[in-house]
Amino acid sequence: DVHILQHPGYNVAKWNLYHRKITLTNGKFLV
């Protein structure tokens, strides 16, 4: 019974940066 977590803020890395846009807003990083 495994949940596959697809929230874009978890495990951001070089292999998925093409679909995860990182921005800095009010001092916080968003994906």
PDB file of all heavy atoms in Angstrom:
ATOM      1  N   ASP A   1       0.861  -1.194   0.000  1.00  0.00           N
ATOM      2  CA  ASP A   1       0.000   0.000   0.000  1.00  0.00           C
ATOM      3  C   ASP A   1       0.895   1.241   0.000  1.00  0.00           C
ATOM      4  O   ASP A   1       1.260   1.772   1.051  1.00  0.00           O
ATOM      5  CB  ASP A   1      -0.901  -0.028   1.229  1.00  0.00           C
ATOM      6  CG  ASP A   1      -1.837   1.173   1.289  1.00  0.00           C
ATOM      7  OD1 ASP A   1      -1.883   1.956   0.321  1.00  0.00           O
ATOM      8  OD2 ASP A   1      -2.513   1.339   2.323  1.00  0.00           O
ATOM      9  N   VAL A   2       1.257   1.699  -1.177  1.00  0.00           N
ATOM     10  CA  VAL A   2       2.193   2.813  -1.349  1.00  0.00           C
ATOM     11  C   VAL A   2       1.466   4.018  -1.932  1.00  0.00           C
ATOM     12  O   VAL A   2       0.729   3.890  -2.918  1.00  0.00           O
ATOM     13  CB  VAL A   2       3.360   2.418  -2.274  1.00  0.00           C
ATOM     14  CG1 VAL A   2       4.254   3.619  -2.568  1.00  0.00           C
ATOM     15  CG2 VAL A   2       4.180   1.292  -1.656  1.00  0.00           C
ATOM     16  N   HIS A   3       1.688   5.171  -1.328  1.00  0.00           N
ATOM     17  CA  HIS A   3       1.192   6.430  -1.896  1.00  0.00           C
ATOM     18  C   HIS A   3       2.319   7.074  -2.695  1.00  0.00           C
ATOM     19  O   HIS A   3       3.428   7.261  -2.181  1.00  0.00           O
ATOM     20  CB  HIS A   3       0.738   7.380  -0.794  1.00  0.00           C
ATOM     21  CG  HIS A   3       0.224   8.690  -1.324  1.00  0.00           C
ATOM     22  ND1 HIS A   3      -1.101   8.916  -1.600  1.00  0.00           N
ATOM     23  CD2 HIS A   3       0.871   9.838  -1.638  1.00  0.00           C
ATOM     24  CE1 HIS A   3      -1.259  10.136  -2.067  1.00  0.00           C
ATOM     25  NE2 HIS A   3      -0.075  10.731  -2.096  1.00  0.00           N
ATOM     26  N   ILE A   4       2.032   7.419  -3.943  1.00  0.00           N
ATOM     27  CA  ILE A   4       3.021   8.073  -4.795  1.00  0.00           C
ATOM     28  C   ILE A   4       2.765   9.575  -4.723  1.00  0.00           C
ATOM     29  O   ILE A   4       1.776  10.080  -5.263  1.00  0.00           O
ATOM     30  CB  ILE A   4       2.924   7.560  -6.236  1.00  0.00           C
ATOM     31  CG1 ILE A   4       3.186   6.048  -6.255  1.00  0.00           C
ATOM     32  CG2 ILE A   4       3.934   8.280  -7.132  1.00  0.00           C
ATOM     33  CD1 ILE A   4       2.847   5.385  -7.563  1.00  0.00           C
ATOM     34  N   LEU A   5       3.650  10.280  -4.032  1.00  0.00           N
ATOM     35  CA  LEU A   5       3.482  11.715  -3.786  1.00  0.00           C
ATOM     36  C   LEU A   5       4.007  12.504  -4.987  1.00  0.00           C
ATOM     37  O   LEU A   5       5.197  12.469  -5.288  1.00  0.00           O
ATOM     38  CB  LEU A   5       4.232  12.108  -2.511  1.00  0.00           C
ATOM     39  CG  LEU A   5       4.129  13.566  -2.063  1.00  0.00           C
ATOM     40  CD1 LEU A   5       2.684  13.945  -1.765  1.00  0.00           C
ATOM     41  CD2 LEU A   5       5.007  13.789  -0.833  1.00  0.00           C
ATOM     42  N   GLN A   6       3.110  13.241  -5.646  1.00  0.00           N
ATOM     43  CA  GLN A   6       3.490  13.974  -6.849  1.00  0.00           C
ATOM     44  C   GLN A   6       3.539  15.482  -6.626  1.00  0.00           C
ATOM     45  O   GLN A   6       3.635  16.237  -7.594  1.00  0.00           O
ATOM     46  CB  GLN A   6       2.536  13.634  -7.996  1.00  0.00           C
ATOM     47  CG  GLN A   6       2.582  12.167  -8.376  1.00  0.00           C
ATOM     48  CD  GLN A   6       1.968  11.895  -9.738  1.00  0.00           C
ATOM     49  OE1 GLN A   6       2.119  12.669 -10.677  1.00  0.00           O
ATOM     50  NE2 GLN A   6       1.266  10.777  -9.853  1.00  0.00           N
ATOM     51  N   HIS A   7       3.500  15.926  -5.396  1.00  0.00           N
ATOM     52  CA  HIS A   7       3.659  17.351  -5.091  1.00  0.00           C
ATOM     53  C   HIS A   7       4.977  17.830  -5.703  1.00  0.00           C
ATOM     54  O   HIS A   7       6.042  17.235  -5.467  1.00  0.00           O
ATOM     55  CB  HIS A   7       3.663  17.541  -3.579  1.00  0.00           C
ATOM     56  CG  HIS A   7       3.705  18.960  -3.125  1.00  0.00           C
ATOM     57  ND1 HIS A   7       4.797  19.788  -3.326  1.00  0.00           N
ATOM     58  CD2 HIS A   7       2.797  19.713  -2.452  1.00  0.00           C
ATOM     59  CE1 HIS A   7       4.554  20.972  -2.800  1.00  0.00           C
ATOM     60  NE2 HIS A   7       3.351  20.954  -2.272  1.00  0.00           N
ATOM     61  N   PRO A   8       4.960  18.918  -6.492  1.00  0.00           N
ATOM     62  CA  PRO A   8       6.180  19.327  -7.206  1.00  0.00           C
ATOM     63  C   PRO A   8       7.297  19.836  -6.309  1.00  0.00           C
ATOM     64  O   PRO A   8       8.439  19.950  -6.765  1.00  0.00           O
ATOM     65  CB  PRO A   8       5.685  20.443  -8.135  1.00  0.00           C
ATOM     66  CG  PRO A   8       4.476  20.998  -7.447  1.00  0.00           C
ATOM     67  CD  PRO A   8       3.820  19.810  -6.795  1.00  0.00           C
ATOM     68  N   GLY A   9       7.008  20.108  -5.043  1.00  0.00           N
ATOM     69  CA  GLY A   9       8.041  20.630  -4.151  1.00  0.00           C
ATOM     70  C   GLY A   9       8.905  19.578  -3.493  1.00  0.00           C
ATOM     71  O   GLY A   9       9.891  19.914  -2.832  1.00  0.00           O
ATOM     72  N   TYR A  10       8.575  18.294  -3.695  1.00  0.00           N
ATOM     73  CA  TYR A  10       9.358  17.210  -3.094  1.00  0.00           C
ATOM     74  C   TYR A  10      10.313  16.617  -4.119  1.00  0.00           C
ATOM     75  O   TYR A  10       9.930  16.337  -5.250  1.00  0.00           O
ATOM     76  CB  TYR A  10       8.439  16.097  -2.569  1.00  0.00           C
ATOM     77  CG  TYR A  10       7.702  16.464  -1.310  1.00  0.00           C
ATOM     78  CD1 TYR A  10       6.528  17.208  -1.362  1.00  0.00           C
ATOM     79  CD2 TYR A  10       8.180  16.084  -0.058  1.00  0.00           C
ATOM     80  CE1 TYR A  10       5.838  17.551  -0.207  1.00  0.00           C
ATOM     81  CE2 TYR A  10       7.510  16.420   1.105  1.00  0.00           C
ATOM     82  CZ  TYR A  10       6.334  17.154   1.027  1.00  0.00           C
ATOM     83  OH  TYR A  10       5.660  17.501   2.171  1.00  0.00           O
ATOM     84  N   ASN A  11      11.556  16.409  -3.682  1.00  0.00           N
ATOM     85  CA  ASN A  11      12.566  15.755  -4.514  1.00  0.00           C
ATOM     86  C   ASN A  11      12.799  16.497  -5.823  1.00  0.00           C
ATOM     87  O   ASN A  11      12.917  15.899  -6.894  1.00  0.00           O
ATOM     88  CB  ASN A  11      12.178  14.288  -4.796  1.00  0.00           C
ATOM     89  CG  ASN A  11      13.289  13.323  -4.393  1.00  0.00           C
ATOM     90  OD1 ASN A  11      14.463  13.665  -4.460  1.00  0.00           O
ATOM     91  ND2 ASN A  11      12.908  12.131  -3.979  1.00  0.00           N
ATOM     92  N   VAL A  12      12.876  17.817  -5.731  1.00  0.00           N
ATOM     93  CA  VAL A  12      13.245  18.617  -6.893  1.00  0.00           C
ATOM     94  C   VAL A  12      14.725  18.367  -7.174  1.00  0.00           C
ATOM     95  O   VAL A  12      15.561  18.401  -6.260  1.00  0.00           O
ATOM     96  CB  VAL A  12      12.989  20.113  -6.643  1.00  0.00           C
ATOM     97  CG1 VAL A  12      13.319  20.929  -7.893  1.00  0.00           C
ATOM     98  CG2 VAL A  12      11.535  20.339  -6.229  1.00  0.00           C
ATOM     99  N   ALA A  13      15.059  18.096  -8.428  1.00  0.00           N
ATOM    100  CA  ALA A  13      16.442  17.746  -8.772  1.00  0.00           C
ATOM    101  C   ALA A  13      16.669  17.987 -10.256  1.00  0.00           C
ATOM    102  O   ALA A  13      15.739  18.311 -11.002  1.00  0.00           O
ATOM    103  CB  ALA A  13      16.711  16.281  -8.424  1.00  0.00           C
ATOM    104  N   LYS A  14      17.898  17.798 -10.675  1.00  0.00           N
ATOM    105  CA  LYS A  14      18.277  18.111 -12.048  1.00  0.00           C
ATOM    106  C   LYS A  14      17.459  17.328 -13.066  1.00  0.00           C
ATOM    107  O   LYS A  14      17.249  17.790 -14.190  1.00  0.00           O
ATOM    108  CB  LYS A  14      19.766  17.863 -12.255  1.00  0.00           C
ATOM    109  CG  LYS A  14      20.200  16.417 -12.021  1.00  0.00           C
ATOM    110  CD  LYS A  14      21.706  16.268 -12.156  1.00  0.00           C
ATOM    111  CE  LYS A  14      22.140  14.818 -11.935  1.00  0.00           C
ATOM    112  NZ  LYS A  14      23.610  14.665 -12.040  1.00  0.00           N
ATOM    113  N   TRP A  15      16.984  16.131 -12.698  1.00  0.00           N
ATOM    114  CA  TRP A  15      16.275  15.291 -13.668  1.00  0.00           C
ATOM    115  C   TRP A  15      14.818  15.714 -13.880  1.00  0.00           C
ATOM    116  O   TRP A  15      14.160  15.194 -14.768  1.00  0.00           O
ATOM    117  CB  TRP A  15      16.329  13.822 -13.253  1.00  0.00           C
ATOM    118  CG  TRP A  15      15.945  13.586 -11.832  1.00  0.00           C
ATOM    119  CD1 TRP A  15      14.681  13.571 -11.305  1.00  0.00           C
ATOM    120  CD2 TRP A  15      16.842  13.344 -10.743  1.00  0.00           C
ATOM    121  NE1 TRP A  15      14.726  13.340  -9.956  1.00  0.00           N
ATOM    122  CE2 TRP A  15      16.045  13.195  -9.581  1.00  0.00           C
ATOM    123  CE3 TRP A  15      18.239  13.233 -10.640  1.00  0.00           C
ATOM    124  CZ2 TRP A  15      16.600  12.943  -8.329  1.00  0.00           C
ATOM    125  CZ3 TRP A  15      18.786  12.986  -9.396  1.00  0.00           C
ATOM    126  CH2 TRP A  15      17.977  12.846  -8.254  1.00  0.00           C
ATOM    127  N   ASN A  16      14.286  16.626 -13.049  1.00  0.00           N
ATOM    128  CA  ASN A  16      12.898  17.048 -13.273  1.00  0.00           C
ATOM    129  C   ASN A  16      12.728  18.567 -13.362  1.00  0.00           C
ATOM    130  O   ASN A  16      11.605  19.072 -13.341  1.00  0.00           O
ATOM    131  CB  ASN A  16      11.962  16.479 -12.197  1.00  0.00           C
ATOM    132  CG  ASN A  16      12.437  16.783 -10.776  1.00  0.00           C
ATOM    133  OD1 ASN A  16      12.926  17.872 -10.492  1.00  0.00           O
ATOM    134  ND2 ASN A  16      12.274  15.821  -9.885  1.00  0.00           N
ATOM    135  N   LEU A  17      13.821  19.281 -13.500  1.00  0.00           N
ATOM    136  CA  LEU A  17      13.726  20.743 -13.555  1.00  0.00           C
ATOM    137  C   LEU A  17      13.001  21.234 -14.800  1.00  0.00           C
ATOM    138  O   LEU A  17      12.489  22.360 -14.817  1.00  0.00           O
ATOM    139  CB  LEU A  17      15.127  21.370 -13.490  1.00  0.00           C
ATOM    140  CG  LEU A  17      15.793  21.372 -12.112  1.00  0.00           C
ATOM    141  CD1 LEU A  17      17.204  21.927 -12.216  1.00  0.00           C
ATOM    142  CD2 LEU A  17      14.982  22.191 -11.112  1.00  0.00           C
ATOM    143  N   TYR A  18      12.935  20.422 -15.845  1.00  0.00           N
ATOM    144  CA  TYR A  18      12.284  20.878 -17.070  1.00  0.00           C
ATOM    145  C   TYR A  18      10.786  21.120 -16.874  1.00  0.00           C
ATOM    146  O   TYR A  18      10.160  21.839 -17.646  1.00  0.00           O
ATOM    147  CB  TYR A  18      12.522  19.892 -18.222  1.00  0.00           C
ATOM    148  CG  TYR A  18      11.859  18.544 -18.067  1.00  0.00           C
ATOM    149  CD1 TYR A  18      10.536  18.346 -18.443  1.00  0.00           C
ATOM    150  CD2 TYR A  18      12.573  17.470 -17.562  1.00  0.00           C
ATOM    151  CE1 TYR A  18       9.929  17.115 -18.311  1.00  0.00           C
ATOM    152  CE2 TYR A  18      11.975  16.225 -17.430  1.00  0.00           C
ATOM    153  CZ  TYR A  18      10.658  16.056 -17.795  1.00  0.00           C
ATOM    154  OH  TYR A  18      10.064  14.828 -17.658  1.00  0.00           O
ATOM    155  N   HIS A  19      10.183  20.514 -15.844  1.00  0.00           N
ATOM    156  CA  HIS A  19       8.757  20.775 -15.609  1.00  0.00           C
ATOM    157  C   HIS A  19       8.493  21.302 -14.195  1.00  0.00           C
ATOM    158  O   HIS A  19       7.370  21.295 -13.727  1.00  0.00           O
ATOM    159  CB  HIS A  19       7.903  19.533 -15.894  1.00  0.00           C
ATOM    160  CG  HIS A  19       8.136  18.376 -14.963  1.00  0.00           C
ATOM    161  ND1 HIS A  19       7.598  18.306 -13.711  1.00  0.00           N
ATOM    162  CD2 HIS A  19       8.841  17.222 -15.131  1.00  0.00           C
ATOM    163  CE1 HIS A  19       7.946  17.165 -13.127  1.00  0.00           C
ATOM    164  NE2 HIS A  19       8.708  16.499 -13.972  1.00  0.00           N
ATOM    165  N   ARG A  20       9.549  21.779 -13.524  1.00  0.00           N
ATOM    166  CA  ARG A  20       9.387  22.368 -12.194  1.00  0.00           C
ATOM    167  C   ARG A  20      10.070  23.735 -12.173  1.00  0.00           C
ATOM    168  O   ARG A  20      11.298  23.822 -12.087  1.00  0.00           O
ATOM    169  CB  ARG A  20       9.954  21.433 -11.121  1.00  0.00           C
ATOM    170  CG  ARG A  20       9.260  20.080 -11.126  1.00  0.00           C
ATOM    171  CD  ARG A  20       9.539  19.246  -9.908  1.00  0.00           C
ATOM    172  NE  ARG A  20       8.990  17.910 -10.070  1.00  0.00           N
ATOM    173  CZ  ARG A  20       8.944  16.985  -9.114  1.00  0.00           C
ATOM    174  NH1 ARG A  20       9.416  17.279  -7.912  1.00  0.00           N
ATOM    175  NH2 ARG A  20       8.433  15.807  -9.334  1.00  0.00           N
ATOM    176  N   LYS A  21       9.274  24.759 -12.269  1.00  0.00           N
ATOM    177  CA  LYS A  21       9.792  26.113 -12.313  1.00  0.00           C
ATOM    178  C   LYS A  21       9.967  26.648 -10.897  1.00  0.00           C
ATOM    179  O   LYS A  21       8.998  26.771 -10.144  1.00  0.00           O
ATOM    180  CB  LYS A  21       8.839  27.021 -13.100  1.00  0.00           C
ATOM    181  CG  LYS A  21       9.329  28.458 -13.222  1.00  0.00           C
ATOM    182  CD  LYS A  21       8.328  29.314 -13.984  1.00  0.00           C
ATOM    183  CE  LYS A  21       8.815  30.760 -14.065  1.00  0.00           C
ATOM    184  NZ  LYS A  21       7.821  31.620 -14.766  1.00  0.00           N
ATOM    185  N   ILE A  22      11.218  26.958 -10.544  1.00  0.00           N
ATOM    186  CA  ILE A  22      11.520  27.465  -9.200  1.00  0.00           C
ATOM    187  C   ILE A  22      11.523  28.985  -9.223  1.00  0.00           C
ATOM    188  O   ILE A  22      12.187  29.604 -10.058  1.00  0.00           O
ATOM    189  CB  ILE A  22      12.880  26.931  -8.712  1.00  0.00           C
ATOM    190  CG1 ILE A  22      12.863  25.403  -8.671  1.00  0.00           C
ATOM    191  CG2 ILE A  22      13.205  27.494  -7.328  1.00  0.00           C
ATOM    192  CD1 ILE A  22      14.186  24.783  -8.271  1.00  0.00           C
ATOM    193  N   THR A  23      10.775  29.594  -8.299  1.00  0.00           N
ATOM    194  CA  THR A  23      10.733  31.054  -8.173  1.00  0.00           C
ATOM    195  C   THR A  23      10.935  31.425  -6.710  1.00  0.00           C
ATOM    196  O   THR A  23      10.732  30.604  -5.806  1.00  0.00           O
ATOM    197  CB  THR A  23       9.397  31.619  -8.663  1.00  0.00           C
ATOM    198  OG1 THR A  23       8.320  30.989  -7.949  1.00  0.00           O
ATOM    199  CG2 THR A  23       9.220  31.379 -10.161  1.00  0.00           C
ATOM    200  N   LEU A  24      11.338  32.663  -6.488  1.00  0.00           N
ATOM    201  CA  LEU A  24      11.532  33.190  -5.136  1.00  0.00           C
ATOM    202  C   LEU A  24      10.511  34.300  -4.928  1.00  0.00           C
ATOM    203  O   LEU A  24      10.549  35.322  -5.611  1.00  0.00           O
ATOM    204  CB  LEU A  24      12.954  33.714  -4.961  1.00  0.00           C
ATOM    205  CG  LEU A  24      13.335  34.238  -3.572  1.00  0.00           C
ATOM    206  CD1 LEU A  24      13.232  33.124  -2.530  1.00  0.00           C
ATOM    207  CD2 LEU A  24      14.765  34.807  -3.585  1.00  0.00           C
ATOM    208  N   THR A  25       9.597  34.091  -3.993  1.00  0.00           N
ATOM    209  CA  THR A  25       8.528  35.046  -3.731  1.00  0.00           C
ATOM    210  C   THR A  25       8.467  35.343  -2.237  1.00  0.00           C
ATOM    211  O   THR A  25       8.277  34.431  -1.430  1.00  0.00           O
ATOM    212  CB  THR A  25       7.171  34.491  -4.203  1.00  0.00           C
ATOM    213  OG1 THR A  25       7.256  34.154  -5.590  1.00  0.00           O
ATOM    214  CG2 THR A  25       6.065  35.512  -3.993  1.00  0.00           C
ATOM    215  N   ASN A  26       8.644  36.619  -1.889  1.00  0.00           N
ATOM    216  CA  ASN A  26       8.622  37.032  -0.473  1.00  0.00           C
ATOM    217  C   ASN A  26       9.576  36.200   0.382  1.00  0.00           C
ATOM    218  O   ASN A  26       9.253  35.803   1.509  1.00  0.00           O
ATOM    219  CB  ASN A  26       7.200  36.936   0.090  1.00  0.00           C
ATOM    220  CG  ASN A  26       6.222  37.849  -0.626  1.00  0.00           C
ATOM    221  OD1 ASN A  26       6.588  38.964  -1.024  1.00  0.00           O
ATOM    222  ND2 ASN A  26       4.989  37.407  -0.800  1.00  0.00           N
ATOM    223  N   GLY A  27      10.744  35.914  -0.182  1.00  0.00           N
ATOM    224  CA  GLY A  27      11.775  35.185   0.551  1.00  0.00           C
ATOM    225  C   GLY A  27      11.572  33.687   0.618  1.00  0.00           C
ATOM    226  O   GLY A  27      12.338  32.994   1.294  1.00  0.00           O
ATOM    227  N   LYS A  28      10.565  33.160  -0.078  1.00  0.00           N
ATOM    228  CA  LYS A  28      10.304  31.723  -0.039  1.00  0.00           C
ATOM    229  C   LYS A  28      10.398  31.137  -1.447  1.00  0.00           C
ATOM    230  O   LYS A  28       9.890  31.733  -2.407  1.00  0.00           O
ATOM    231  CB  LYS A  28       8.911  31.442   0.553  1.00  0.00           C
ATOM    232  CG  LYS A  28       8.775  31.881   2.006  1.00  0.00           C
ATOM    233  CD  LYS A  28       7.423  31.475   2.560  1.00  0.00           C
ATOM    234  CE  LYS A  28       7.252  31.943   3.991  1.00  0.00           C
ATOM    235  NZ  LYS A  28       8.250  31.351   4.896  1.00  0.00           N
ATOM    236  N   PHE A  29      11.018  29.961  -1.545  1.00  0.00           N
ATOM    237  CA  PHE A  29      11.120  29.292  -2.836  1.00  0.00           C
ATOM    238  C   PHE A  29       9.821  28.538  -3.135  1.00  0.00           C
ATOM    239  O   PHE A  29       9.290  27.823  -2.277  1.00  0.00           O
ATOM    240  CB  PHE A  29      12.287  28.305  -2.843  1.00  0.00           C
ATOM    241  CG  PHE A  29      13.635  28.963  -2.894  1.00  0.00           C
ATOM    242  CD1 PHE A  29      14.435  29.046  -1.763  1.00  0.00           C
ATOM    243  CD2 PHE A  29      14.103  29.514  -4.086  1.00  0.00           C
ATOM    244  CE1 PHE A  29      15.680  29.657  -1.812  1.00  0.00           C
ATOM    245  CE2 PHE A  29      15.345  30.123  -4.143  1.00  0.00           C
ATOM    246  CZ  PHE A  29      16.136  30.199  -3.011  1.00  0.00           C
ATOM    247  N   LEU A  30       9.347  28.736  -4.353  1.00  0.00           N
ATOM    248  CA  LEU A  30       8.157  28.031  -4.827  1.00  0.00           C
ATOM    249  C   LEU A  30       8.524  27.185  -6.037  1.00  0.00           C
ATOM    250  O   LEU A  30       9.434  27.523  -6.793  1.00  0.00           O
ATOM    251  CB  LEU A  30       7.061  29.019  -5.210  1.00  0.00           C
ATOM    252  CG  LEU A  30       6.575  29.998  -4.135  1.00  0.00           C
ATOM    253  CD1 LEU A  30       5.525  30.931  -4.715  1.00  0.00           C
ATOM    254  CD2 LEU A  30       6.028  29.255  -2.917  1.00  0.00           C
ATOM    255  N   VAL A  31       7.801  26.095  -6.209  1.00  0.00           N
ATOM    256  CA  VAL A  31       7.967  25.221  -7.377  1.00  0.00           C
ATOM    257  C   VAL A  31       6.593  25.080  -8.014  1.00  0.00           C
ATOM    258  O   VAL A  31       5.668  24.550  -7.400  1.00  0.00           O
ATOM    259  CB  VAL A  31       8.508  23.833  -6.986  1.00  0.00           C
ATOM    260  CG1 VAL A  31       8.751  22.992  -8.221  1.00  0.00           C
ATOM    261  CG2 VAL A  31       9.784  23.967  -6.173  1.00  0.00           C
TER     262      VAL A  31
END
